[in-house]
Amino acid sequence: MKLTNQNKENKEAILKTFTFNNSDKGDLFRAFGFKKSEQDSGSSESQIALFTYRIKHLTDHLSVKKKDHATKLGLLKLVGKRKRLLAYLKKEDLGRYRTIISSLGLRK
């Protein structure tokens, strides 16, 4: 089966949404402003920001493709990881927890 131009564009858009290279992650961390240093990608804030970004994209995808069960499972795993990181951050440093919650708009 030959891929048409539209199918190729759709495939590229999907791959871009679900894959991140280091430059994309760096741009994401700069956009959210949670980098402590130029090399920071492992802090709790950075990871939570990345998970939130990915969760939003997967949610958008699932609103269109309702029967994509593999993506739904991946989304649930990401939500669980983010929840555990938020619980850890809340336990360790309440000020940082409140800052990230308010800046990402996760809670009311």
PDB file of N, CA and C in Angstrom:
ATOM      1  N   MET A   1       0.839  -1.179   0.000  1.00  0.00           N
ATOM      2  CA  MET A   1       0.000   0.000   0.000  1.00  0.00           C
ATOM      3  C   MET A   1       0.883   1.241   0.000  1.00  0.00           C
ATOM      4  N   LYS A   2       0.645   2.119  -0.950  1.00  0.00           N
ATOM      5  CA  LYS A   2       1.427   3.343  -1.043  1.00  0.00           C
ATOM      6  C   LYS A   2       0.866   4.388  -0.090  1.00  0.00           C
ATOM      7  N   LEU A   3       1.774   5.120   0.510  1.00  0.00           N
ATOM      8  CA  LEU A   3       1.360   6.206   1.384  1.00  0.00           C
ATOM      9  C   LEU A   3       1.138   7.465   0.562  1.00  0.00           C
ATOM     10  N   THR A   4       0.011   8.054   0.747  1.00  0.00           N
ATOM     11  CA  THR A   4      -0.238   9.323   0.077  1.00  0.00           C
ATOM     12  C   THR A   4       0.443  10.427   0.860  1.00  0.00           C
ATOM     13  N   ASN A   5       0.460  11.614   0.289  1.00  0.00           N
ATOM     14  CA  ASN A   5       1.071  12.757   0.963  1.00  0.00           C
ATOM     15  C   ASN A   5       0.398  13.029   2.299  1.00  0.00           C
ATOM     16  N   GLN A   6      -0.934  12.951   2.329  1.00  0.00           N
ATOM     17  CA  GLN A   6      -1.676  13.206   3.568  1.00  0.00           C
ATOM     18  C   GLN A   6      -1.317  12.173   4.630  1.00  0.00           C
ATOM     19  N   ASN A   7      -1.214  10.905   4.226  1.00  0.00           N
ATOM     20  CA  ASN A   7      -0.853   9.860   5.180  1.00  0.00           C
ATOM     21  C   ASN A   7       0.557  10.069   5.726  1.00  0.00           C
ATOM     22  N   LYS A   8       1.478  10.503   4.853  1.00  0.00           N
ATOM     23  CA  LYS A   8       2.843  10.767   5.308  1.00  0.00           C
ATOM     24  C   LYS A   8       2.862  11.905   6.317  1.00  0.00           C
ATOM     25  N   GLU A   9       2.098  12.948   6.051  1.00  0.00           N
ATOM     26  CA  GLU A   9       2.039  14.085   6.973  1.00  0.00           C
ATOM     27  C   GLU A   9       1.434  13.665   8.308  1.00  0.00           C
ATOM     28  N   ASN A  10       0.389  12.844   8.261  1.00  0.00           N
ATOM     29  CA  ASN A  10      -0.226  12.353   9.498  1.00  0.00           C
ATOM     30  C   ASN A  10       0.764  11.510  10.296  1.00  0.00           C
ATOM     31  N   LYS A  11       1.493  10.647   9.603  1.00  0.00           N
ATOM     32  CA  LYS A  11       2.467   9.796  10.270  1.00  0.00           C
ATOM     33  C   LYS A  11       3.554  10.642  10.923  1.00  0.00           C
ATOM     34  N   GLU A  12       4.040  11.659  10.215  1.00  0.00           N
ATOM     35  CA  GLU A  12       5.075  12.535  10.767  1.00  0.00           C
ATOM     36  C   GLU A  12       4.559  13.300  11.978  1.00  0.00           C
ATOM     37  N   ALA A  13       3.312  13.758  11.921  1.00  0.00           N
ATOM     38  CA  ALA A  13       2.736  14.494  13.049  1.00  0.00           C
ATOM     39  C   ALA A  13       2.605  13.589  14.270  1.00  0.00           C
ATOM     40  N   ILE A  14       2.181  12.353  14.043  1.00  0.00           N
ATOM     41  CA  ILE A  14       2.040  11.411  15.153  1.00  0.00           C
ATOM     42  C   ILE A  14       3.405  11.084  15.753  1.00  0.00           C
ATOM     43  N   LEU A  15       4.389  10.831  14.900  1.00  0.00           N
ATOM     44  CA  LEU A  15       5.724  10.530  15.412  1.00  0.00           C
ATOM     45  C   LEU A  15       6.298  11.702  16.188  1.00  0.00           C
ATOM     46  N   LYS A  16       6.057  12.916  15.702  1.00  0.00           N
ATOM     47  CA  LYS A  16       6.563  14.099  16.394  1.00  0.00           C
ATOM     48  C   LYS A  16       5.889  14.258  17.754  1.00  0.00           C
ATOM     49  N   THR A  17       4.621  13.914  17.832  1.00  0.00           N
ATOM     50  CA  THR A  17       3.894  14.034  19.093  1.00  0.00           C
ATOM     51  C   THR A  17       4.388  13.031  20.122  1.00  0.00           C
ATOM     52  N   PHE A  18       4.671  11.812  19.697  1.00  0.00           N
ATOM     53  CA  PHE A  18       4.978  10.751  20.649  1.00  0.00           C
ATOM     54  C   PHE A  18       6.463  10.536  20.887  1.00  0.00           C
ATOM     55  N   THR A  19       7.317  11.204  20.137  1.00  0.00           N
ATOM     56  CA  THR A  19       8.748  11.057  20.358  1.00  0.00           C
ATOM     57  C   THR A  19       9.342  12.413  20.671  1.00  0.00           C
ATOM     58  N   PHE A  20      10.314  12.394  21.525  1.00  0.00           N
ATOM     59  CA  PHE A  20      11.010  13.615  21.897  1.00  0.00           C
ATOM     60  C   PHE A  20      12.491  13.375  21.690  1.00  0.00           C
ATOM     61  N   ASN A  21      13.158  14.334  21.088  1.00  0.00           N
ATOM     62  CA  ASN A  21      14.607  14.252  21.107  1.00  0.00           C
ATOM     63  C   ASN A  21      15.102  15.265  22.124  1.00  0.00           C
ATOM     64  N   ASN A  22      16.384  15.278  22.360  1.00  0.00           N
ATOM     65  CA  ASN A  22      16.914  16.117  23.432  1.00  0.00           C
ATOM     66  C   ASN A  22      16.627  17.593  23.211  1.00  0.00           C
ATOM     67  N   SER A  23      16.637  18.051  21.969  1.00  0.00           N
ATOM     68  CA  SER A  23      16.379  19.473  21.734  1.00  0.00           C
ATOM     69  C   SER A  23      14.923  19.816  22.043  1.00  0.00           C
ATOM     70  N   ASP A  24      13.987  18.918  21.722  1.00  0.00           N
ATOM     71  CA  ASP A  24      12.584  19.162  22.050  1.00  0.00           C
ATOM     72  C   ASP A  24      12.388  19.233  23.558  1.00  0.00           C
ATOM     73  N   LYS A  25      13.040  18.333  24.282  1.00  0.00           N
ATOM     74  CA  LYS A  25      12.919  18.339  25.735  1.00  0.00           C
ATOM     75  C   LYS A  25      13.504  19.614  26.317  1.00  0.00           C
ATOM     76  N   GLY A  26      14.639  20.039  25.773  1.00  0.00           N
ATOM     77  CA  GLY A  26      15.251  21.272  26.259  1.00  0.00           C
ATOM     78  C   GLY A  26      14.348  22.465  26.045  1.00  0.00           C
ATOM     79  N   ASP A  27      13.719  22.526  24.872  1.00  0.00           N
ATOM     80  CA  ASP A  27      12.771  23.613  24.599  1.00  0.00           C
ATOM     81  C   ASP A  27      11.595  23.552  25.560  1.00  0.00           C
ATOM     82  N   LEU A  28      11.134  22.360  25.827  1.00  0.00           N
ATOM     83  CA  LEU A  28      10.010  22.190  26.749  1.00  0.00           C
ATOM     84  C   LEU A  28      10.383  22.649  28.150  1.00  0.00           C
ATOM     85  N   PHE A  29      11.561  22.245  28.609  1.00  0.00           N
ATOM     86  CA  PHE A  29      11.992  22.646  29.945  1.00  0.00           C
ATOM     87  C   PHE A  29      12.169  24.158  30.031  1.00  0.00           C
ATOM     88  N   ARG A  30      12.706  24.769  28.955  1.00  0.00           N
ATOM     89  CA  ARG A  30      12.854  26.231  28.951  1.00  0.00           C
ATOM     90  C   ARG A  30      11.494  26.910  28.950  1.00  0.00           C
ATOM     91  N   ALA A  31      10.535  26.350  28.235  1.00  0.00           N
ATOM     92  CA  ALA A  31       9.208  26.962  28.155  1.00  0.00           C
ATOM     93  C   ALA A  31       8.512  26.953  29.511  1.00  0.00           C
ATOM     94  N   PHE A  32       8.649  25.848  30.233  1.00  0.00           N
ATOM     95  CA  PHE A  32       8.011  25.769  31.545  1.00  0.00           C
ATOM     96  C   PHE A  32       8.828  26.467  32.617  1.00  0.00           C
ATOM     97  N   GLY A  33      10.120  26.677  32.365  1.00  0.00           N
ATOM     98  CA  GLY A  33      10.949  27.416  33.298  1.00  0.00           C
ATOM     99  C   GLY A  33      11.327  26.670  34.555  1.00  0.00           C
ATOM    100  N   PHE A  34      11.437  25.347  34.498  1.00  0.00           N
ATOM    101  CA  PHE A  34      11.759  24.582  35.694  1.00  0.00           C
ATOM    102  C   PHE A  34      13.192  24.076  35.710  1.00  0.00           C
ATOM    103  N   LYS A  35      13.987  24.481  34.729  1.00  0.00           N
ATOM    104  CA  LYS A  35      15.374  24.025  34.711  1.00  0.00           C
ATOM    105  C   LYS A  35      16.164  24.741  35.789  1.00  0.00           C
ATOM    106  N   LYS A  36      16.859  23.984  36.597  1.00  0.00           N
ATOM    107  CA  LYS A  36      17.720  24.579  37.609  1.00  0.00           C
ATOM    108  C   LYS A  36      19.070  24.941  37.006  1.00  0.00           C
ATOM    109  N   SER A  37      19.494  24.178  36.010  1.00  0.00           N
ATOM    110  CA  SER A  37      20.736  24.454  35.303  1.00  0.00           C
ATOM    111  C   SER A  37      20.552  24.015  33.855  1.00  0.00           C
ATOM    112  N   GLU A  38      21.574  24.227  33.054  1.00  0.00           N
ATOM    113  CA  GLU A  38      21.489  23.867  31.636  1.00  0.00           C
ATOM    114  C   GLU A  38      21.376  22.355  31.450  1.00  0.00           C
ATOM    115  N   GLN A  39      21.950  21.589  32.357  1.00  0.00           N
ATOM    116  CA  GLN A  39      21.945  20.129  32.239  1.00  0.00           C
ATOM    117  C   GLN A  39      20.780  19.467  32.974  1.00  0.00           C
ATOM    118  N   ASP A  40      19.912  20.247  33.597  1.00  0.00           N
ATOM    119  CA  ASP A  40      18.854  19.688  34.443  1.00  0.00           C
ATOM    120  C   ASP A  40      17.730  19.091  33.612  1.00  0.00           C
ATOM    121  N   SER A  41      17.577  17.788  33.731  1.00  0.00           N
ATOM    122  CA  SER A  41      16.419  17.127  33.133  1.00  0.00           C
ATOM    123  C   SER A  41      15.856  16.092  34.094  1.00  0.00           C
ATOM    124  N   GLY A  42      16.485  15.952  35.248  1.00  0.00           N
ATOM    125  CA  GLY A  42      16.076  14.915  36.173  1.00  0.00           C
ATOM    126  C   GLY A  42      15.388  15.411  37.425  1.00  0.00           C
ATOM    127  N   SER A  43      15.301  16.722  37.598  1.00  0.00           N
ATOM    128  CA  SER A  43      14.633  17.214  38.801  1.00  0.00           C
ATOM    129  C   SER A  43      13.153  16.859  38.743  1.00  0.00           C
ATOM    130  N   SER A  44      12.547  16.805  39.892  1.00  0.00           N
ATOM    131  CA  SER A  44      11.131  16.443  39.957  1.00  0.00           C
ATOM    132  C   SER A  44      10.281  17.400  39.139  1.00  0.00           C
ATOM    133  N   GLU A  45      10.585  18.698  39.214  1.00  0.00           N
ATOM    134  CA  GLU A  45       9.807  19.685  38.471  1.00  0.00           C
ATOM    135  C   GLU A  45       9.912  19.460  36.968  1.00  0.00           C
ATOM    136  N   SER A  46      11.132  19.167  36.489  1.00  0.00           N
ATOM    137  CA  SER A  46      11.322  18.933  35.059  1.00  0.00           C
ATOM    138  C   SER A  46      10.559  17.703  34.596  1.00  0.00           C
ATOM    139  N   GLN A  47      10.628  16.642  35.372  1.00  0.00           N
ATOM    140  CA  GLN A  47       9.936  15.416  34.998  1.00  0.00           C
ATOM    141  C   GLN A  47       8.423  15.604  35.024  1.00  0.00           C
ATOM    142  N   ILE A  48       7.916  16.308  36.021  1.00  0.00           N
ATOM    143  CA  ILE A  48       6.474  16.554  36.104  1.00  0.00           C
ATOM    144  C   ILE A  48       6.012  17.395  34.924  1.00  0.00           C
ATOM    145  N   ALA A  49       6.808  18.403  34.549  1.00  0.00           N
ATOM    146  CA  ALA A  49       6.459  19.236  33.397  1.00  0.00           C
ATOM    147  C   ALA A  49       6.427  18.406  32.121  1.00  0.00           C
ATOM    148  N   LEU A  50       7.414  17.529  31.946  1.00  0.00           N
ATOM    149  CA  LEU A  50       7.456  16.675  30.761  1.00  0.00           C
ATOM    150  C   LEU A  50       6.271  15.715  30.737  1.00  0.00           C
ATOM    151  N   PHE A  51       5.962  15.094  31.871  1.00  0.00           N
ATOM    152  CA  PHE A  51       4.814  14.188  31.931  1.00  0.00           C
ATOM    153  C   PHE A  51       3.515  14.927  31.636  1.00  0.00           C
ATOM    154  N   THR A  52       3.374  16.140  32.151  1.00  0.00           N
ATOM    155  CA  THR A  52       2.159  16.925  31.906  1.00  0.00           C
ATOM    156  C   THR A  52       2.011  17.233  30.428  1.00  0.00           C
ATOM    157  N   TYR A  53       3.101  17.608  29.781  1.00  0.00           N
ATOM    158  CA  TYR A  53       3.088  17.891  28.345  1.00  0.00           C
ATOM    159  C   TYR A  53       2.660  16.646  27.567  1.00  0.00           C
ATOM    160  N   ARG A  54       3.248  15.503  27.899  1.00  0.00           N
ATOM    161  CA  ARG A  54       2.907  14.268  27.199  1.00  0.00           C
ATOM    162  C   ARG A  54       1.470  13.844  27.472  1.00  0.00           C
ATOM    163  N   ILE A  55       0.999  14.037  28.702  1.00  0.00           N
ATOM    164  CA  ILE A  55      -0.379  13.678  29.057  1.00  0.00           C
ATOM    165  C   ILE A  55      -1.365  14.509  28.251  1.00  0.00           C
ATOM    166  N   LYS A  56      -1.088  15.790  28.091  1.00  0.00           N
ATOM    167  CA  LYS A  56      -1.987  16.649  27.312  1.00  0.00           C
ATOM    168  C   LYS A  56      -2.053  16.204  25.859  1.00  0.00           C
ATOM    169  N   HIS A  57      -0.902  15.834  25.285  1.00  0.00           N
ATOM    170  CA  HIS A  57      -0.906  15.380  23.896  1.00  0.00           C
ATOM    171  C   HIS A  57      -1.627  14.044  23.741  1.00  0.00           C
ATOM    172  N   LEU A  58      -1.423  13.134  24.674  1.00  0.00           N
ATOM    173  CA  LEU A  58      -2.113  11.847  24.589  1.00  0.00           C
ATOM    174  C   LEU A  58      -3.613  12.006  24.793  1.00  0.00           C
ATOM    175  N   THR A  59      -4.012  12.931  25.648  1.00  0.00           N
ATOM    176  CA  THR A  59      -5.438  13.186  25.861  1.00  0.00           C
ATOM    177  C   THR A  59      -6.078  13.725  24.590  1.00  0.00           C
ATOM    178  N   ASP A  60      -5.374  14.636  23.912  1.00  0.00           N
ATOM    179  CA  ASP A  60      -5.885  15.151  22.639  1.00  0.00           C
ATOM    180  C   ASP A  60      -6.015  14.027  21.617  1.00  0.00           C
ATOM    181  N   HIS A  61      -5.017  13.155  21.567  1.00  0.00           N
ATOM    182  CA  HIS A  61      -5.050  12.032  20.631  1.00  0.00           C
ATOM    183  C   HIS A  61      -6.230  11.107  20.937  1.00  0.00           C
ATOM    184  N   LEU A  62      -6.456  10.833  22.219  1.00  0.00           N
ATOM    185  CA  LEU A  62      -7.541   9.923  22.593  1.00  0.00           C
ATOM    186  C   LEU A  62      -8.916  10.537  22.390  1.00  0.00           C
ATOM    187  N   SER A  63      -9.009  11.857  22.370  1.00  0.00           N
ATOM    188  CA  SER A  63     -10.310  12.471  22.093  1.00  0.00           C
ATOM    189  C   SER A  63     -10.718  12.230  20.644  1.00  0.00           C
ATOM    190  N   VAL A  64      -9.731  12.032  19.765  1.00  0.00           N
ATOM    191  CA  VAL A  64     -10.020  11.743  18.357  1.00  0.00           C
ATOM    192  C   VAL A  64     -10.107  10.232  18.125  1.00  0.00           C
ATOM    193  N   LYS A  65      -9.162   9.494  18.669  1.00  0.00           N
ATOM    194  CA  LYS A  65      -9.080   8.037  18.477  1.00  0.00           C
ATOM    195  C   LYS A  65      -9.527   7.337  19.757  1.00  0.00           C
ATOM    196  N   LYS A  66     -10.819   7.206  19.933  1.00  0.00           N
ATOM    197  CA  LYS A  66     -11.382   6.699  21.180  1.00  0.00           C
ATOM    198  C   LYS A  66     -11.078   5.219  21.441  1.00  0.00           C
ATOM    199  N   LYS A  67     -10.784   4.443  20.410  1.00  0.00           N
ATOM    200  CA  LYS A  67     -10.573   3.009  20.586  1.00  0.00           C
ATOM    201  C   LYS A  67      -9.098   2.621  20.658  1.00  0.00           C
ATOM    202  N   ASP A  68      -8.227   3.581  20.814  1.00  0.00           N
ATOM    203  CA  ASP A  68      -6.794   3.317  20.893  1.00  0.00           C
ATOM    204  C   ASP A  68      -6.446   2.914  22.329  1.00  0.00           C
ATOM    205  N   HIS A  69      -6.604   1.630  22.613  1.00  0.00           N
ATOM    206  CA  HIS A  69      -6.447   1.137  23.978  1.00  0.00           C
ATOM    207  C   HIS A  69      -4.992   1.140  24.432  1.00  0.00           C
ATOM    208  N   ALA A  70      -4.053   0.931  23.520  1.00  0.00           N
ATOM    209  CA  ALA A  70      -2.639   0.947  23.894  1.00  0.00           C
ATOM    210  C   ALA A  70      -2.226   2.339  24.366  1.00  0.00           C
ATOM    211  N   THR A  71      -2.699   3.354  23.683  1.00  0.00           N
ATOM    212  CA  THR A  71      -2.392   4.720  24.090  1.00  0.00           C
ATOM    213  C   THR A  71      -3.054   5.044  25.419  1.00  0.00           C
ATOM    214  N   LYS A  72      -4.253   4.541  25.620  1.00  0.00           N
ATOM    215  CA  LYS A  72      -4.952   4.779  26.881  1.00  0.00           C
ATOM    216  C   LYS A  72      -4.177   4.170  28.050  1.00  0.00           C
ATOM    217  N   LEU A  73      -3.639   2.980  27.846  1.00  0.00           N
ATOM    218  CA  LEU A  73      -2.837   2.339  28.879  1.00  0.00           C
ATOM    219  C   LEU A  73      -1.577   3.158  29.164  1.00  0.00           C
ATOM    220  N   GLY A  74      -0.921   3.629  28.110  1.00  0.00           N
ATOM    221  CA  GLY A  74       0.259   4.470  28.288  1.00  0.00           C
ATOM    222  C   GLY A  74      -0.065   5.758  29.023  1.00  0.00           C
ATOM    223  N   LEU A  75      -1.215   6.333  28.714  1.00  0.00           N
ATOM    224  CA  LEU A  75      -1.654   7.554  29.389  1.00  0.00           C
ATOM    225  C   LEU A  75      -1.864   7.302  30.881  1.00  0.00           C
ATOM    226  N   LEU A  76      -2.498   6.191  31.217  1.00  0.00           N
ATOM    227  CA  LEU A  76      -2.730   5.867  32.625  1.00  0.00           C
ATOM    228  C   LEU A  76      -1.415   5.662  33.376  1.00  0.00           C
ATOM    229  N   LYS A  77      -0.432   5.055  32.712  1.00  0.00           N
ATOM    230  CA  LYS A  77       0.877   4.877  33.338  1.00  0.00           C
ATOM    231  C   LYS A  77       1.550   6.226  33.586  1.00  0.00           C
ATOM    232  N   LEU A  78       1.464   7.133  32.611  1.00  0.00           N
ATOM    233  CA  LEU A  78       2.054   8.464  32.783  1.00  0.00           C
ATOM    234  C   LEU A  78       1.389   9.233  33.912  1.00  0.00           C
ATOM    235  N   VAL A  79       0.077   9.137  34.003  1.00  0.00           N
ATOM    236  CA  VAL A  79      -0.647   9.829  35.073  1.00  0.00           C
ATOM    237  C   VAL A  79      -0.200   9.281  36.433  1.00  0.00           C
ATOM    238  N   GLY A  80      -0.012   7.972  36.517  1.00  0.00           N
ATOM    239  CA  GLY A  80       0.457   7.370  37.760  1.00  0.00           C
ATOM    240  C   GLY A  80       1.861   7.825  38.134  1.00  0.00           C
ATOM    241  N   LYS A  81       2.748   7.891  37.141  1.00  0.00           N
ATOM    242  CA  LYS A  81       4.107   8.364  37.407  1.00  0.00           C
ATOM    243  C   LYS A  81       4.098   9.805  37.897  1.00  0.00           C
ATOM    244  N   ARG A  82       3.297  10.635  37.238  1.00  0.00           N
ATOM    245  CA  ARG A  82       3.227  12.041  37.643  1.00  0.00           C
ATOM    246  C   ARG A  82       2.652  12.165  39.051  1.00  0.00           C
ATOM    247  N   LYS A  83       1.658  11.348  39.351  1.00  0.00           N
ATOM    248  CA  LYS A  83       1.039  11.382  40.680  1.00  0.00           C
ATOM    249  C   LYS A  83       2.053  11.020  41.761  1.00  0.00           C
ATOM    250  N   ARG A  84       2.869   9.986  41.500  1.00  0.00           N
ATOM    251  CA  ARG A  84       3.883   9.588  42.473  1.00  0.00           C
ATOM    252  C   ARG A  84       4.946  10.672  42.648  1.00  0.00           C
ATOM    253  N   LEU A  85       5.360  11.298  41.549  1.00  0.00           N
ATOM    254  CA  LEU A  85       6.343  12.380  41.654  1.00  0.00           C
ATOM    255  C   LEU A  85       5.782  13.570  42.419  1.00  0.00           C
ATOM    256  N   LEU A  86       4.518  13.893  42.180  1.00  0.00           N
ATOM    257  CA  LEU A  86       3.897  15.000  42.911  1.00  0.00           C
ATOM    258  C   LEU A  86       3.795  14.684  44.403  1.00  0.00           C
ATOM    259  N   ALA A  87       3.472  13.445  44.738  1.00  0.00           N
ATOM    260  CA  ALA A  87       3.399  13.054  46.151  1.00  0.00           C
ATOM    261  C   ALA A  87       4.775  13.155  46.803  1.00  0.00           C
ATOM    262  N   TYR A  88       5.804  12.733  46.084  1.00  0.00           N
ATOM    263  CA  TYR A  88       7.170  12.838  46.597  1.00  0.00           C
ATOM    264  C   TYR A  88       7.550  14.297  46.823  1.00  0.00           C
ATOM    265  N   LEU A  89       7.267  15.135  45.845  1.00  0.00           N
ATOM    266  CA  LEU A  89       7.623  16.548  45.949  1.00  0.00           C
ATOM    267  C   LEU A  89       6.855  17.222  47.079  1.00  0.00           C
ATOM    268  N   LYS A  90       5.606  16.854  47.257  1.00  0.00           N
ATOM    269  CA  LYS A  90       4.798  17.426  48.339  1.00  0.00           C
ATOM    270  C   LYS A  90       5.378  17.050  49.699  1.00  0.00           C
ATOM    271  N   LYS A  91       5.848  15.815  49.809  1.00  0.00           N
ATOM    272  CA  LYS A  91       6.422  15.342  51.067  1.00  0.00           C
ATOM    273  C   LYS A  91       7.773  16.011  51.345  1.00  0.00           C
ATOM    274  N   GLU A  92       8.588  16.196  50.304  1.00  0.00           N
ATOM    275  CA  GLU A  92       9.938  16.723  50.482  1.00  0.00           C
ATOM    276  C   GLU A  92       9.985  18.241  50.605  1.00  0.00           C
ATOM    277  N   ASP A  93       9.259  18.951  49.740  1.00  0.00           N
ATOM    278  CA  ASP A  93       9.341  20.416  49.729  1.00  0.00           C
ATOM    279  C   ASP A  93       7.996  20.991  49.292  1.00  0.00           C
ATOM    280  N   LEU A  94       7.208  21.398  50.247  1.00  0.00           N
ATOM    281  CA  LEU A  94       5.849  21.872  49.980  1.00  0.00           C
ATOM    282  C   LEU A  94       5.842  23.143  49.128  1.00  0.00           C
ATOM    283  N   GLY A  95       6.830  23.994  49.295  1.00  0.00           N
ATOM    284  CA  GLY A  95       6.899  25.230  48.509  1.00  0.00           C
ATOM    285  C   GLY A  95       7.089  24.960  47.029  1.00  0.00           C
ATOM    286  N   ARG A  96       8.012  24.060  46.699  1.00  0.00           N
ATOM    287  CA  ARG A  96       8.231  23.688  45.292  1.00  0.00           C
ATOM    288  C   ARG A  96       6.993  23.007  44.720  1.00  0.00           C
ATOM    289  N   TYR A  97       6.332  22.191  45.536  1.00  0.00           N
ATOM    290  CA  TYR A  97       5.104  21.515  45.108  1.00  0.00           C
ATOM    291  C   TYR A  97       4.033  22.541  44.735  1.00  0.00           C
ATOM    292  N   ARG A  98       3.823  23.517  45.604  1.00  0.00           N
ATOM    293  CA  ARG A  98       2.804  24.534  45.335  1.00  0.00           C
ATOM    294  C   ARG A  98       3.153  25.361  44.108  1.00  0.00           C
ATOM    295  N   THR A  99       4.436  25.648  43.912  1.00  0.00           N
ATOM    296  CA  THR A  99       4.868  26.418  42.747  1.00  0.00           C
ATOM    297  C   THR A  99       4.548  25.681  41.453  1.00  0.00           C
ATOM    298  N   ILE A 100       4.884  24.409  41.395  1.00  0.00           N
ATOM    299  CA  ILE A 100       4.661  23.666  40.149  1.00  0.00           C
ATOM    300  C   ILE A 100       3.179  23.413  39.907  1.00  0.00           C
ATOM    301  N   ILE A 101       2.418  23.196  40.959  1.00  0.00           N
ATOM    302  CA  ILE A 101       0.974  22.985  40.809  1.00  0.00           C
ATOM    303  C   ILE A 101       0.322  24.236  40.223  1.00  0.00           C
ATOM    304  N   SER A 102       0.699  25.386  40.754  1.00  0.00           N
ATOM    305  CA  SER A 102       0.077  26.626  40.270  1.00  0.00           C
ATOM    306  C   SER A 102       0.542  26.972  38.863  1.00  0.00           C
ATOM    307  N   SER A 103       1.817  26.758  38.560  1.00  0.00           N
ATOM    308  CA  SER A 103       2.310  27.140  37.240  1.00  0.00           C
ATOM    309  C   SER A 103       1.821  26.205  36.138  1.00  0.00           C
ATOM    310  N   LEU A 104       1.616  24.932  36.447  1.00  0.00           N
ATOM    311  CA  LEU A 104       1.103  23.997  35.444  1.00  0.00           C
ATOM    312  C   LEU A 104      -0.418  23.927  35.439  1.00  0.00           C
ATOM    313  N   GLY A 105      -1.045  24.485  36.464  1.00  0.00           N
ATOM    314  CA  GLY A 105      -2.504  24.478  36.522  1.00  0.00           C
ATOM    315  C   GLY A 105      -3.081  23.094  36.746  1.00  0.00           C
ATOM    316  N   LEU A 106      -2.452  22.320  37.624  1.00  0.00           N
ATOM    317  CA  LEU A 106      -2.900  20.942  37.835  1.00  0.00           C
ATOM    318  C   LEU A 106      -4.021  20.812  38.853  1.00  0.00           C
ATOM    319  N   ARG A 107      -4.031  21.660  39.844  1.00  0.00           N
ATOM    320  CA  ARG A 107      -5.058  21.590  40.880  1.00  0.00           C
ATOM    321  C   ARG A 107      -5.736  22.940  40.998  1.00  0.00           C
ATOM    322  N   LYS A 108      -6.865  22.941  41.678  1.00  0.00           N
ATOM    323  CA  LYS A 108      -7.581  24.196  41.881  1.00  0.00           C
ATOM    324  C   LYS A 108      -7.059  24.924  43.086  1.00  0.00           C
TER     325      LYS A 108
END
